[in-house]
């Protein structure tokens, strides 16, 4: 091989290396762009999570608190109703006793003493 052939061989190898380096630069640039897109997507996900967290803290927590408040109101009303039912039951028991005593003895003084 003479020196011209060696130089041409070296030149062709260098050109091949330049093409591969250029291809690698393009791939690195593409990877950089994809990384930027991933970072942007991650930032959007973080922003959406923060919005969701805020919504849960504000809106949903308030609604749950409202449900518990409504439950307490219902429990209070049920307690009042139970008290009234107990009161009516006691009155009915007294009236039944009066009726029974009245039927048995036809005595009104006993009725007045019970009331």
Protein backbone atom coordinates (compact mmCIF):
# COMPACT_ATOMS: atom_id res chain seq x y z
CA UNK A 1 0.00 0.00 0.00
CA UNK A 2 1.30 3.37 -0.84
CA UNK A 3 0.88 6.51 1.22
CA UNK A 4 -2.04 7.82 -0.87
CA UNK A 5 -4.04 4.66 -0.25
CA UNK A 6 -3.28 4.85 3.47
CA UNK A 7 -4.37 8.50 3.57
CA UNK A 8 -7.58 7.66 1.68
CA UNK A 9 -8.27 4.81 4.08
CA UNK A 10 -7.68 7.09 7.08
CA UNK A 11 -9.87 9.76 5.48
CA UNK A 12 -12.71 7.28 4.87
CA UNK A 13 -12.45 6.05 8.46
CA UNK A 14 -12.53 9.63 9.76
CA UNK A 15 -15.55 10.42 7.58
CA UNK A 16 -17.30 7.31 8.92
CA UNK A 17 -16.50 8.39 12.45
CA UNK A 18 -17.81 11.91 11.73
CA UNK A 19 -21.09 10.46 10.44
CA UNK A 20 -21.44 8.27 13.53
CA UNK A 21 -20.63 11.23 15.81
CA UNK A 22 -23.22 13.36 13.98
CA UNK A 23 -25.79 10.56 14.41
CA UNK A 24 -24.92 10.33 18.11
CA UNK A 25 -25.27 14.12 18.47
CA UNK A 26 -28.76 13.89 16.95
CA UNK A 27 -29.69 11.06 19.29
CA UNK A 28 -28.36 13.03 22.29
CA UNK A 29 -30.34 16.08 21.17
CA UNK A 30 -33.46 13.95 20.81
CA UNK A 31 -32.90 12.48 24.28
CA UNK A 32 -32.51 16.00 25.65
CA UNK A 33 -35.80 17.03 24.05
CA UNK A 34 -37.53 13.94 25.41
CA UNK A 35 -36.12 14.68 28.85
CA UNK A 36 -37.49 18.23 28.66
CA UNK A 37 -40.90 16.82 27.65
CA UNK A 38 -40.80 14.35 30.54
CA UNK A 39 -39.88 17.12 32.97
CA UNK A 40 -42.72 19.26 31.64
CA UNK A 41 -45.15 16.35 32.00
CA UNK A 42 -43.93 15.69 35.52
CA UNK A 43 -44.45 19.36 36.40
CA UNK A 44 -48.03 19.14 35.07
CA UNK A 45 -48.67 16.00 37.13
CA UNK A 46 -47.33 17.72 40.26
CA UNK A 47 -49.52 20.77 39.59
CA UNK A 48 -52.59 18.57 39.11
CA UNK A 49 -51.83 16.65 42.31
CA UNK A 50 -51.55 19.91 44.25
CA UNK A 51 -54.91 21.04 42.84
CA UNK A 52 -56.46 17.70 43.80
CA UNK A 53 -54.99 17.90 47.29
CA UNK A 54 -56.35 21.42 47.73
CA UNK A 55 -59.77 20.31 46.50
CA UNK A 56 -59.80 17.38 48.90
CA UNK A 57 -58.74 19.57 51.81
CA UNK A 58 -61.26 22.31 51.09
CA UNK A 59 -64.33 20.93 49.37
CA UNK A 60 -64.49 17.28 50.37
CA UNK A 61 -63.46 17.89 53.97
CA UNK A 62 -66.20 20.52 54.27
CA UNK A 63 -68.76 18.14 52.80
CA UNK A 64 -67.76 15.39 55.22
CA UNK A 65 -67.95 17.86 58.10
CA UNK A 66 -71.42 18.84 56.87
CA UNK A 67 -72.50 15.20 56.87
CA UNK A 68 -71.34 14.76 60.46
CA UNK A 69 -73.15 17.97 61.47
CA UNK A 70 -76.33 16.70 59.78
CA UNK A 71 -75.91 13.38 61.59
CA UNK A 72 -75.68 15.18 64.93
CA UNK A 73 -78.85 17.16 64.15
CA UNK A 74 -80.68 13.94 63.23
CA UNK A 75 -79.44 12.27 66.43
CA UNK A 76 -80.68 15.23 68.49
CA UNK A 77 -84.09 15.11 66.81
CA UNK A 78 -84.31 11.34 67.34
CA UNK A 79 -83.45 11.85 70.99
CA UNK A 80 -86.22 14.46 71.29
CA UNK A 81 -88.66 12.08 69.59
CA UNK A 82 -87.66 9.25 71.94
CA UNK A 83 -88.20 11.53 74.94
CA UNK A 84 -91.66 12.46 73.66
CA UNK A 85 -92.53 8.82 72.98
CA UNK A 86 -91.40 7.89 76.51
CA UNK A 87 -93.48 10.75 77.93
CA UNK A 88 -96.53 9.66 75.95
CA UNK A 89 -95.97 6.06 76.98
CA UNK A 90 -95.89 7.07 80.64
CA UNK A 91 -99.07 9.09 80.19
CA UNK A 92 -100.78 6.17 78.48
CA UNK A 93 -99.71 3.87 81.32
CA UNK A 94 -101.22 6.32 83.84
CA UNK A 95 -104.41 6.60 81.84
CA UNK A 96 -104.71 2.83 81.57
CA UNK A 97 -104.23 2.55 85.33
CA UNK A 98 -106.90 5.19 85.94
CA UNK A 99 -109.29 3.44 83.56
CA UNK A 100 -108.64 0.10 85.23
CA UNK A 101 -109.14 1.53 88.72
CA UNK A 102 -112.23 3.39 87.61
CA UNK A 103 -113.70 0.28 86.09
CA UNK A 104 -112.91 -1.78 89.16
CA UNK A 105 -114.09 0.58 91.82
CA UNK A 106 -115.91 3.41 90.13
CA UNK A 107 -114.15 5.66 92.64
CA UNK A 108 -113.16 9.15 91.45
CA UNK A 109 -111.05 10.10 94.55
CA UNK A 110 -108.48 7.47 93.59
CA UNK A 111 -108.27 8.99 90.09
CA UNK A 112 -107.58 12.44 91.50
CA UNK A 113 -104.82 11.14 93.80
CA UNK A 114 -102.97 9.46 90.93
CA UNK A 115 -102.96 12.57 88.74
